[in-house]
Each structure stands twice: as structure tokens, then as C-alpha cells.
Amino acid sequence: MRNSAPGYFHQANGLLLAKASEYLDTTACGQAPMTAGAAAALELGCNDFELAVYTHSGKVSGDDSAVVGYGAGFFTEASPKPAGALELTGDMKKELLALARRSIGACLKTGKVPAQPLSPRPEFNQPAAVFVTLNIGGRLRGCIGSLEPRGALADMVASYAGAAAFEDPRFPPVTEADLKKVTIEISVLSPLVRVGGAAEIKEGVHGVYLTSGRRSGTYLPQVWEHFGKKEDFLSSLCAEKAGLPPGAWKEKSTVLYTYTVDHFEEN
């Protein structure tokens, strides 16, 4: 509920139910009114949620074998935050990096990325937009991801790690020898925010996604380090990623979006 996008709440419930259908009859029996409430609160300027109390029926009956949970809370107006960005601890990040490496190794042996079970960490079961980047000696070796949540965090890390290693058309598939030299980086994205022009883009902070007609492309915030000027960053994004003329970012027909990332890599 702390995510301010009502669609995220709906998607999270669907993912949890799919992963834990043998344990759950439902994730939220009031899902529809809760989704509507989140949308209404956002319209009123409340972009956060505080849980006041949570309990379950087993604490009353003494039988924990089958319980119904009850929660109460309230929507609040919080300081601006990257809505949708998961709050990950250092240990969580290490686990995700290890998962990415295991997934590539498993794919080398079997040709498939193993399916991920329900995680004891709630954050890993929540929807997330993720990119996985592979580097060797500081040079790009593969990068695949999505700008919007397409599955749970752990699932996306595993899937995109395999895709970055074996499906990036810019590079040959990763070998066992390559994997020993690869450094893995994971970027967890906030939701896209449409902006009115390049002036609203913060250098070194924002990732940028642009679209014009049927063409589109994105640069993660980490790419800023390769450019000295915003104009060069945007021109390269147009030409190298979107297949557009370098100056297309200035055109009224081009739509610009920004996002932030929480990115972390292997030492």
C-alpha cells in the first residue's frame, strides 16, 4: 500500500497469489475498494500509507493453521519520494547479485533460468522494473531489462540476468570463461515520470526514456558518466538507442520521461 500507484497494488496481489496459491485463498478480500481508495488518496495529494495495526484471527482463536488477517492504516502526504522504488538493504542487494550470478550459471548448464519460489523476503515478491548489466573490465558485455514492472523483483533479476548473458543481440552469448570475469550490476527503477522538456532532466540523476512515433530508447542514469553535456547525452540516446536523428529530443513530437534507479554491483 505504500506504493502510490494503484496499479502496482493490484499487480502485487496477483503476483503473490500466483506464487502462494497453495497457502492463500486471497491476498486482500477488499482489493477493489483498497485500490480505489489508493487512487482517491493520490488525487487528494496523499502519496504514502502508514500501517496503524495488523493482526490475524489466529491470535484470538489460538489456531494458526488457517487465519484471516486484519489491518488498519491511513494515507498521508509524504515528502517527495521515488514512488515504487523498493527499499533494499545491503544484505538484500548481495542476495540479488548472487541470484543473478547463479541464474547465469544455471542457464549455462541447462539452457533455462530456474523459476523462483516465494521468497521469505517480502520485497523480493513485489513487482519491480529492473535492468541487469554485465561488464567485463569496465566494458559493457550485456544489458537487458524493462522500464515497467513485469514480475516480482527476484523473478526479474533472474530472468534479465539470463537475458543479458545470452539474448543481448549486441554480443555473443556469455561463456563459462566470460562468467568468471563478468561484473554484475542491478538497477531497480522508479516509475516513469513524463516531463515537459530537457530542462527538467537532472544530469547524473535521471535515467531518460524517449519515444517518437514507433521509435524509442532509454539510457540509465549510470550512462551520464560518459557524457560531459546534457545535449550530448540526449543526442546519443536518440541516435544510438532510438534510431532517431541526434536532435530529435528537441522536437515537439518527441515525448520524454525520467526515472531514478537504485543500482548496485558486485565488488
Protein backbone atom coordinates (compact mmCIF):
# COMPACT_ATOMS: atom_id res chain seq x y z
CA MET A 1 0.00 0.00 0.00
CA ARG A 2 2.95 2.36 0.47
CA ASN A 3 3.42 2.46 -3.28
CA SER A 4 1.39 5.39 -4.57
CA ALA A 5 0.43 3.71 -7.85
CA PRO A 6 -2.90 1.85 -7.54
CA GLY A 7 -1.96 -0.40 -10.45
CA TYR A 8 1.08 -1.55 -8.51
CA PHE A 9 -1.09 -2.72 -5.60
CA HIS A 10 -3.27 -4.73 -7.97
CA GLN A 11 -0.25 -6.29 -9.68
CA ALA A 12 1.43 -7.14 -6.37
CA ASN A 13 -1.65 -9.01 -5.20
CA GLY A 14 -1.78 -11.02 -8.40
CA LEU A 15 1.89 -12.00 -8.18
CA LEU A 16 1.62 -13.04 -4.54
CA LEU A 17 -1.46 -15.14 -5.16
CA ALA A 18 0.19 -16.86 -8.12
CA LYS A 19 3.30 -17.72 -6.10
CA ALA A 20 1.48 -18.85 -2.95
CA SER A 21 -1.81 -20.25 -4.22
CA GLU A 22 -1.38 -23.40 -2.11
CA TYR A 23 -1.26 -21.26 1.04
CA LEU A 24 -3.62 -18.41 0.17
CA ASP A 25 -7.29 -18.15 -0.73
CA THR A 26 -6.84 -14.43 -1.37
CA THR A 27 -4.26 -11.74 -0.70
CA ALA A 28 -6.77 -8.98 0.03
CA CYS A 29 -10.51 -9.62 0.08
CA GLY A 30 -11.07 -5.86 -0.17
CA GLN A 31 -8.67 -5.44 -3.08
CA ALA A 32 -11.07 -3.43 -5.28
CA PRO A 33 -12.04 -0.78 -2.68
CA MET A 34 -8.44 -0.63 -1.45
CA THR A 35 -7.26 0.08 -5.00
CA ALA A 36 -9.96 2.73 -5.40
CA GLY A 37 -9.01 4.25 -2.05
CA ALA A 38 -5.36 4.46 -3.06
CA ALA A 39 -6.31 6.21 -6.30
CA ALA A 40 -8.57 8.68 -4.47
CA ALA A 41 -5.91 9.40 -1.85
CA LEU A 42 -3.35 10.11 -4.56
CA GLU A 43 -5.74 12.58 -6.20
CA LEU A 44 -6.02 14.35 -2.84
CA GLY A 45 -2.24 14.63 -2.52
CA CYS A 46 -1.62 11.67 -0.20
CA ASN A 47 1.26 9.65 -1.64
CA ASP A 48 2.11 7.37 1.29
CA PHE A 49 0.44 4.92 3.66
CA GLU A 50 1.08 4.27 7.35
CA LEU A 51 0.07 0.97 8.93
CA ALA A 52 -1.50 1.58 12.33
CA VAL A 53 -2.11 -2.00 13.41
CA TYR A 54 -2.12 -5.51 11.96
CA THR A 55 -3.32 -8.77 13.48
CA HIS A 56 -4.91 -12.06 12.44
CA SER A 57 -7.70 -14.33 13.63
CA GLY A 58 -5.31 -16.94 14.98
CA LYS A 59 -4.34 -14.63 17.82
CA VAL A 60 -7.94 -14.76 19.02
CA SER A 61 -8.85 -18.38 18.30
CA GLY A 62 -5.44 -19.82 19.13
CA ASP A 63 -5.46 -21.75 15.84
CA ASP A 64 -2.79 -20.58 13.40
CA SER A 65 -3.44 -23.27 10.80
CA ALA A 66 -5.84 -21.07 8.83
CA VAL A 67 -6.15 -17.37 9.56
CA VAL A 68 -7.68 -14.16 8.26
CA GLY A 69 -5.55 -11.03 8.53
CA TYR A 70 -6.85 -7.61 9.55
CA GLY A 71 -5.05 -4.33 9.06
CA ALA A 72 -5.83 -0.68 9.69
CA GLY A 73 -3.94 2.33 8.44
CA PHE A 74 -4.20 5.75 6.89
CA PHE A 75 -2.97 7.60 3.83
CA THR A 76 -0.58 10.50 4.37
CA GLU A 77 1.17 13.22 2.44
CA ALA A 78 4.86 12.36 2.48
CA SER A 79 7.87 14.26 1.23
CA PRO A 80 8.62 13.59 -2.44
CA LYS A 81 9.92 10.07 -2.89
CA PRO A 82 10.70 7.83 -5.87
CA ALA A 83 7.30 6.14 -5.78
CA GLY A 84 7.56 2.46 -6.47
CA ALA A 85 11.27 2.16 -5.74
CA LEU A 86 11.79 -0.69 -3.26
CA GLU A 87 13.85 -0.01 -0.14
CA LEU A 88 16.60 -2.64 -0.25
CA THR A 89 19.17 -3.29 2.46
CA GLY A 90 22.79 -4.14 1.80
CA ASP A 91 22.15 -7.82 2.54
CA MET A 92 19.21 -7.88 0.11
CA LYS A 93 21.38 -6.40 -2.62
CA LYS A 94 24.06 -9.04 -2.04
CA GLU A 95 21.43 -11.77 -2.29
CA LEU A 96 20.07 -10.37 -5.55
CA LEU A 97 23.55 -10.15 -7.07
CA ALA A 98 24.20 -13.75 -6.03
CA LEU A 99 20.86 -14.77 -7.55
CA ALA A 100 21.79 -13.11 -10.84
CA ARG A 101 25.11 -14.97 -10.97
CA ARG A 102 23.50 -18.31 -10.07
CA SER A 103 20.89 -17.79 -12.77
CA ILE A 104 23.52 -17.23 -15.45
CA GLY A 105 25.45 -20.28 -14.25
CA ALA A 106 22.32 -22.44 -14.30
CA CYS A 107 21.45 -21.21 -17.77
CA LEU A 108 24.92 -22.16 -18.98
CA LYS A 109 24.32 -25.74 -17.81
CA THR A 110 20.64 -26.27 -18.64
CA GLY A 111 19.70 -23.54 -21.10
CA LYS A 112 17.00 -22.30 -18.73
CA VAL A 113 16.71 -19.80 -15.89
CA PRO A 114 15.30 -21.58 -12.81
CA ALA A 115 11.86 -20.46 -11.61
CA GLN A 116 11.95 -18.56 -8.33
CA PRO A 117 9.81 -19.71 -5.40
CA LEU A 118 8.05 -17.41 -2.96
CA SER A 119 10.81 -15.60 -1.07
CA PRO A 120 10.86 -15.14 2.71
CA ARG A 121 11.81 -11.53 1.94
CA PRO A 122 8.58 -9.63 1.07
CA GLU A 123 10.48 -7.14 -1.08
CA PHE A 124 11.62 -9.91 -3.43
CA ASN A 125 7.99 -10.86 -4.14
CA GLN A 126 6.89 -7.35 -5.09
CA PRO A 127 6.64 -6.02 -8.67
CA ALA A 128 9.76 -4.28 -9.88
CA ALA A 129 11.18 -2.71 -13.03
CA VAL A 130 14.73 -4.00 -13.33
CA PHE A 131 17.78 -3.83 -15.58
CA VAL A 132 20.69 -6.26 -15.27
CA THR A 133 24.01 -5.08 -16.73
CA LEU A 134 27.10 -7.21 -17.33
CA ASN A 135 30.55 -5.66 -17.63
CA ILE A 136 33.99 -7.14 -18.27
CA GLY A 137 36.95 -4.93 -17.47
CA GLY A 138 34.73 -1.87 -17.34
CA ARG A 139 33.27 -2.52 -20.79
CA LEU A 140 29.65 -3.40 -21.45
CA ARG A 141 29.03 -7.13 -22.07
CA GLY A 142 25.23 -7.19 -21.96
CA CYS A 143 22.25 -5.26 -20.62
CA ILE A 144 18.58 -6.26 -20.61
CA GLY A 145 15.63 -5.04 -18.55
CA SER A 146 12.26 -3.33 -18.54
CA LEU A 147 11.04 0.17 -17.72
CA GLU A 148 7.86 -1.08 -16.06
CA PRO A 149 7.28 -3.94 -13.59
CA ARG A 150 6.67 -7.19 -15.45
CA GLY A 151 7.02 -9.52 -12.50
CA ALA A 152 8.37 -9.90 -8.98
CA LEU A 153 11.81 -8.49 -8.16
CA ALA A 154 13.53 -11.87 -7.72
CA ASP A 155 11.94 -13.24 -10.90
CA MET A 156 13.03 -10.23 -12.93
CA VAL A 157 16.60 -10.29 -11.63
CA ALA A 158 16.94 -13.97 -12.51
CA SER A 159 15.26 -13.61 -15.90
CA TYR A 160 17.10 -10.49 -17.02
CA ALA A 161 20.45 -11.82 -15.82
CA GLY A 162 19.97 -14.76 -18.16
CA ALA A 163 18.76 -12.49 -20.95
CA ALA A 164 21.70 -10.09 -20.56
CA ALA A 165 24.10 -13.03 -20.75
CA PHE A 166 22.55 -14.88 -23.68
CA GLU A 167 19.99 -12.74 -25.50
CA ASP A 168 21.53 -9.28 -25.94
CA PRO A 169 21.86 -9.11 -29.75
CA ARG A 170 24.86 -6.80 -29.49
CA PHE A 171 27.06 -9.51 -28.00
CA PRO A 172 27.78 -13.24 -28.38
CA PRO A 173 26.45 -15.48 -25.58
CA VAL A 174 28.44 -15.45 -22.35
CA THR A 175 30.74 -18.45 -21.87
CA GLU A 176 31.94 -20.07 -18.65
CA ALA A 177 35.24 -18.25 -19.11
CA ASP A 178 33.39 -14.95 -19.55
CA LEU A 179 31.29 -15.52 -16.42
CA LYS A 180 34.44 -15.69 -14.30
CA LYS A 181 35.38 -12.20 -15.50
CA VAL A 182 31.91 -10.62 -15.54
CA THR A 183 30.86 -7.98 -13.03
CA ILE A 184 27.09 -7.90 -12.49
CA GLU A 185 25.17 -4.69 -11.86
CA ILE A 186 21.47 -4.47 -10.99
CA SER A 187 19.31 -1.35 -11.38
CA VAL A 188 15.88 -1.18 -9.73
CA LEU A 189 13.82 1.59 -11.31
CA SER A 190 11.25 4.04 -10.02
CA PRO A 191 8.15 4.64 -12.18
CA LEU A 192 8.45 6.78 -15.29
CA VAL A 193 7.55 10.47 -14.97
CA ARG A 194 6.67 12.40 -18.10
CA VAL A 195 8.47 15.75 -18.35
CA GLY A 196 7.82 18.80 -20.46
CA GLY A 197 11.31 19.15 -21.86
CA ALA A 198 15.03 18.66 -21.42
CA ALA A 199 15.23 21.43 -18.82
CA GLU A 200 13.50 19.14 -16.31
CA ILE A 201 16.10 16.39 -16.73
CA LYS A 202 18.73 16.31 -13.96
CA GLU A 203 22.19 15.35 -15.16
CA GLY A 204 23.69 12.41 -13.31
CA VAL A 205 20.40 11.71 -11.52
CA HIS A 206 17.73 10.84 -14.06
CA GLY A 207 17.51 7.98 -16.46
CA VAL A 208 15.75 9.10 -19.62
CA TYR A 209 13.28 7.29 -21.84
CA LEU A 210 12.17 8.97 -25.05
CA THR A 211 9.71 7.99 -27.71
CA SER A 212 8.83 9.41 -31.10
CA GLY A 213 6.41 7.60 -33.36
CA ARG A 214 7.30 3.92 -33.27
CA ARG A 215 10.86 4.51 -32.10
CA SER A 216 12.04 4.69 -28.52
CA GLY A 217 15.11 4.23 -26.36
CA THR A 218 16.47 4.70 -22.87
CA TYR A 219 19.71 5.46 -21.07
CA LEU A 220 20.13 4.53 -17.41
CA PRO A 221 21.46 7.27 -15.09
CA GLN A 222 24.84 5.49 -14.99
CA VAL A 223 25.37 6.43 -18.65
CA TRP A 224 25.80 10.11 -17.74
CA GLU A 225 29.43 9.44 -16.80
CA HIS A 226 30.25 9.00 -20.49
CA PHE A 227 28.99 12.46 -21.45
CA GLY A 228 30.05 15.95 -20.50
CA LYS A 229 26.88 17.73 -21.57
CA LYS A 230 23.15 17.04 -21.40
CA GLU A 231 22.88 17.78 -25.12
CA ASP A 232 25.42 15.07 -25.94
CA PHE A 233 23.64 12.56 -23.68
CA LEU A 234 20.27 13.18 -25.32
CA SER A 235 21.67 13.28 -28.85
CA SER A 236 23.38 9.93 -28.33
CA LEU A 237 20.20 8.48 -26.84
CA CYS A 238 18.30 9.50 -29.97
CA ALA A 239 20.87 8.25 -32.46
CA GLU A 240 22.34 5.19 -30.75
CA LYS A 241 19.34 3.78 -28.88
CA ALA A 242 16.20 5.05 -30.59
CA GLY A 243 17.39 5.18 -34.21
CA LEU A 244 16.34 8.82 -34.49
CA PRO A 245 18.20 11.91 -35.73
CA PRO A 246 20.51 13.23 -32.97
CA GLY A 247 18.41 16.36 -32.48
CA ALA A 248 15.07 14.57 -32.25
CA TRP A 249 14.87 15.21 -28.50
CA LYS A 250 14.19 18.87 -29.28
CA GLU A 251 11.13 18.10 -31.42
CA LYS A 252 7.61 18.61 -30.06
CA SER A 253 6.64 15.15 -31.32
CA THR A 254 9.21 13.51 -29.02
CA VAL A 255 7.96 12.55 -25.56
CA LEU A 256 10.46 12.49 -22.69
CA TYR A 257 10.25 10.56 -19.42
CA THR A 258 12.59 10.46 -16.44
CA TYR A 259 13.17 7.90 -13.70
CA THR A 260 15.66 7.20 -10.93
CA VAL A 261 17.38 3.95 -10.02
CA ASP A 262 18.82 2.16 -7.05
CA HIS A 263 21.83 0.47 -8.63
CA PHE A 264 24.39 -1.81 -7.07
CA GLU A 265 27.12 -4.11 -8.35
CA GLU A 266 29.49 -6.84 -7.32
CA ASN A 267 32.71 -5.69 -5.71
